[in-house]
Amino acid sequence: MAASDRPDPDALSYEEARDELVQVVNRLEQGGSTLEESLELWERGERLAARCEEWLLGARRRLEAARRGGDAASAESPEA
């Protein structure tokens, strides 16, 4: 797949970015690519990894916010 045919990592879901990142790593590990192809794969992998990290950080923030909201709600309601 040519670089221009691949979607922008910023438009990918976590699962899409993760799956493509796995494919990129596999291709790099197999070898056999030219130096230019390997560099393009590496750069794509870096962008995909950054996208996955964005998703994971966002999920962590949401969980922490939910936990804080849950803690505040439980502190306000008296227990028996």
C-alpha atoms as a PDB file:
ATOM      1  CA  MET A   1       0.000   0.000   0.000  1.00  0.00           C
ATOM      2  CA  ALA A   2       1.491   3.339  -1.022  1.00  0.00           C
ATOM      3  CA  ALA A   3       1.881   6.036   1.592  1.00  0.00           C
ATOM      4  CA  SER A   4      -0.729   8.164  -0.159  1.00  0.00           C
ATOM      5  CA  ASP A   5      -3.232   5.279   0.004  1.00  0.00           C
ATOM      6  CA  ARG A   6      -3.034   4.953   3.782  1.00  0.00           C
ATOM      7  CA  PRO A   7      -5.365   6.937   6.016  1.00  0.00           C
ATOM      8  CA  ASP A   8      -3.993   9.663   8.232  1.00  0.00           C
ATOM      9  CA  PRO A   9      -3.251   8.121  11.658  1.00  0.00           C
ATOM     10  CA  ASP A  10      -5.164  10.986  13.306  1.00  0.00           C
ATOM     11  CA  ALA A  11      -8.335   9.648  11.659  1.00  0.00           C
ATOM     12  CA  LEU A  12      -7.877   6.080  12.942  1.00  0.00           C
ATOM     13  CA  SER A  13      -9.537   4.439  15.909  1.00  0.00           C
ATOM     14  CA  TYR A  14      -7.304   2.897  18.544  1.00  0.00           C
ATOM     15  CA  GLU A  15      -7.901  -0.586  17.160  1.00  0.00           C
ATOM     16  CA  GLU A  16      -7.174   0.458  13.571  1.00  0.00           C
ATOM     17  CA  ALA A  17      -3.954   2.214  14.561  1.00  0.00           C
ATOM     18  CA  ARG A  18      -2.855  -0.715  16.751  1.00  0.00           C
ATOM     19  CA  ASP A  19      -3.553  -3.285  14.038  1.00  0.00           C
ATOM     20  CA  GLU A  20      -1.672  -1.312  11.411  1.00  0.00           C
ATOM     21  CA  LEU A  21       1.210  -0.766  13.841  1.00  0.00           C
ATOM     22  CA  VAL A  22       1.461  -4.545  14.315  1.00  0.00           C
ATOM     23  CA  GLN A  23       1.611  -4.949  10.526  1.00  0.00           C
ATOM     24  CA  VAL A  24       4.332  -2.292  10.240  1.00  0.00           C
ATOM     25  CA  VAL A  25       6.426  -3.960  12.947  1.00  0.00           C
ATOM     26  CA  ASN A  26       6.028  -7.356  11.267  1.00  0.00           C
ATOM     27  CA  ARG A  27       7.151  -5.954   7.919  1.00  0.00           C
ATOM     28  CA  LEU A  28      10.173  -4.293   9.506  1.00  0.00           C
ATOM     29  CA  GLU A  29      11.103  -7.489  11.347  1.00  0.00           C
ATOM     30  CA  GLN A  30      10.849  -9.554   8.159  1.00  0.00           C
ATOM     31  CA  GLY A  31      13.378  -7.346   6.434  1.00  0.00           C
ATOM     32  CA  GLY A  32      13.806  -7.407   2.699  1.00  0.00           C
ATOM     33  CA  SER A  33      12.678  -3.808   2.249  1.00  0.00           C
ATOM     34  CA  THR A  34      14.832  -1.120   0.744  1.00  0.00           C
ATOM     35  CA  LEU A  35      16.291   1.490   3.041  1.00  0.00           C
ATOM     36  CA  GLU A  36      13.745   4.039   1.801  1.00  0.00           C
ATOM     37  CA  GLU A  37      10.837   1.632   2.371  1.00  0.00           C
ATOM     38  CA  SER A  38      12.147   0.795   5.842  1.00  0.00           C
ATOM     39  CA  LEU A  39      12.394   4.480   6.726  1.00  0.00           C
ATOM     40  CA  GLU A  40       8.849   5.099   5.506  1.00  0.00           C
ATOM     41  CA  LEU A  41       7.607   2.140   7.537  1.00  0.00           C
ATOM     42  CA  TRP A  42       9.468   3.357  10.618  1.00  0.00           C
ATOM     43  CA  GLU A  43       8.017   6.858  10.285  1.00  0.00           C
ATOM     44  CA  ARG A  44       4.524   5.433   9.792  1.00  0.00           C
ATOM     45  CA  GLY A  45       5.017   3.221  12.835  1.00  0.00           C
ATOM     46  CA  GLU A  46       6.056   6.216  14.935  1.00  0.00           C
ATOM     47  CA  ARG A  47       2.902   8.105  13.926  1.00  0.00           C
ATOM     48  CA  LEU A  48       0.722   5.068  14.616  1.00  0.00           C
ATOM     49  CA  ALA A  49       2.336   4.516  18.022  1.00  0.00           C
ATOM     50  CA  ALA A  50       1.759   8.181  18.888  1.00  0.00           C
ATOM     51  CA  ARG A  51      -1.891   7.832  17.877  1.00  0.00           C
ATOM     52  CA  CYS A  52      -2.304   4.751  20.074  1.00  0.00           C
ATOM     53  CA  GLU A  53      -0.727   6.619  22.969  1.00  0.00           C
ATOM     54  CA  GLU A  54      -3.147   9.533  22.451  1.00  0.00           C
ATOM     55  CA  TRP A  55      -6.087   7.137  22.628  1.00  0.00           C
ATOM     56  CA  LEU A  56      -4.728   5.435  25.744  1.00  0.00           C
ATOM     57  CA  LEU A  57      -4.027   8.730  27.509  1.00  0.00           C
ATOM     58  CA  GLY A  58      -7.532   9.912  26.658  1.00  0.00           C
ATOM     59  CA  ALA A  59      -9.005   6.700  28.018  1.00  0.00           C
ATOM     60  CA  ARG A  60      -6.955   7.070  31.205  1.00  0.00           C
ATOM     61  CA  ARG A  61      -8.202  10.648  31.663  1.00  0.00           C
ATOM     62  CA  ARG A  62     -11.796   9.519  31.191  1.00  0.00           C
ATOM     63  CA  LEU A  63     -11.393   6.725  33.737  1.00  0.00           C
ATOM     64  CA  GLU A  64      -9.783   9.065  36.245  1.00  0.00           C
ATOM     65  CA  ALA A  65     -12.559  11.609  35.745  1.00  0.00           C
ATOM     66  CA  ALA A  66     -15.192   8.912  36.188  1.00  0.00           C
ATOM     67  CA  ARG A  67     -13.447   7.659  39.302  1.00  0.00           C
ATOM     68  CA  ARG A  68     -13.289  11.174  40.750  1.00  0.00           C
ATOM     69  CA  GLY A  69     -16.955  11.679  39.876  1.00  0.00           C
ATOM     70  CA  GLY A  70     -17.811   8.391  41.548  1.00  0.00           C
ATOM     71  CA  ASP A  71     -15.774   9.309  44.616  1.00  0.00           C
ATOM     72  CA  ALA A  72     -17.533  12.673  44.880  1.00  0.00           C
ATOM     73  CA  ALA A  73     -20.950  11.051  44.493  1.00  0.00           C
ATOM     74  CA  SER A  74     -20.208   8.419  47.142  1.00  0.00           C
ATOM     75  CA  ALA A  75     -18.883  11.080  49.528  1.00  0.00           C
ATOM     76  CA  GLU A  76     -22.120  13.052  49.160  1.00  0.00           C
ATOM     77  CA  SER A  77     -24.467  10.143  49.755  1.00  0.00           C
ATOM     78  CA  PRO A  78     -24.516   8.834  53.323  1.00  0.00           C
ATOM     79  CA  GLU A  79     -23.943   5.133  53.834  1.00  0.00           C
ATOM     80  CA  ALA A  80     -26.099   3.201  56.301  1.00  0.00           C
END
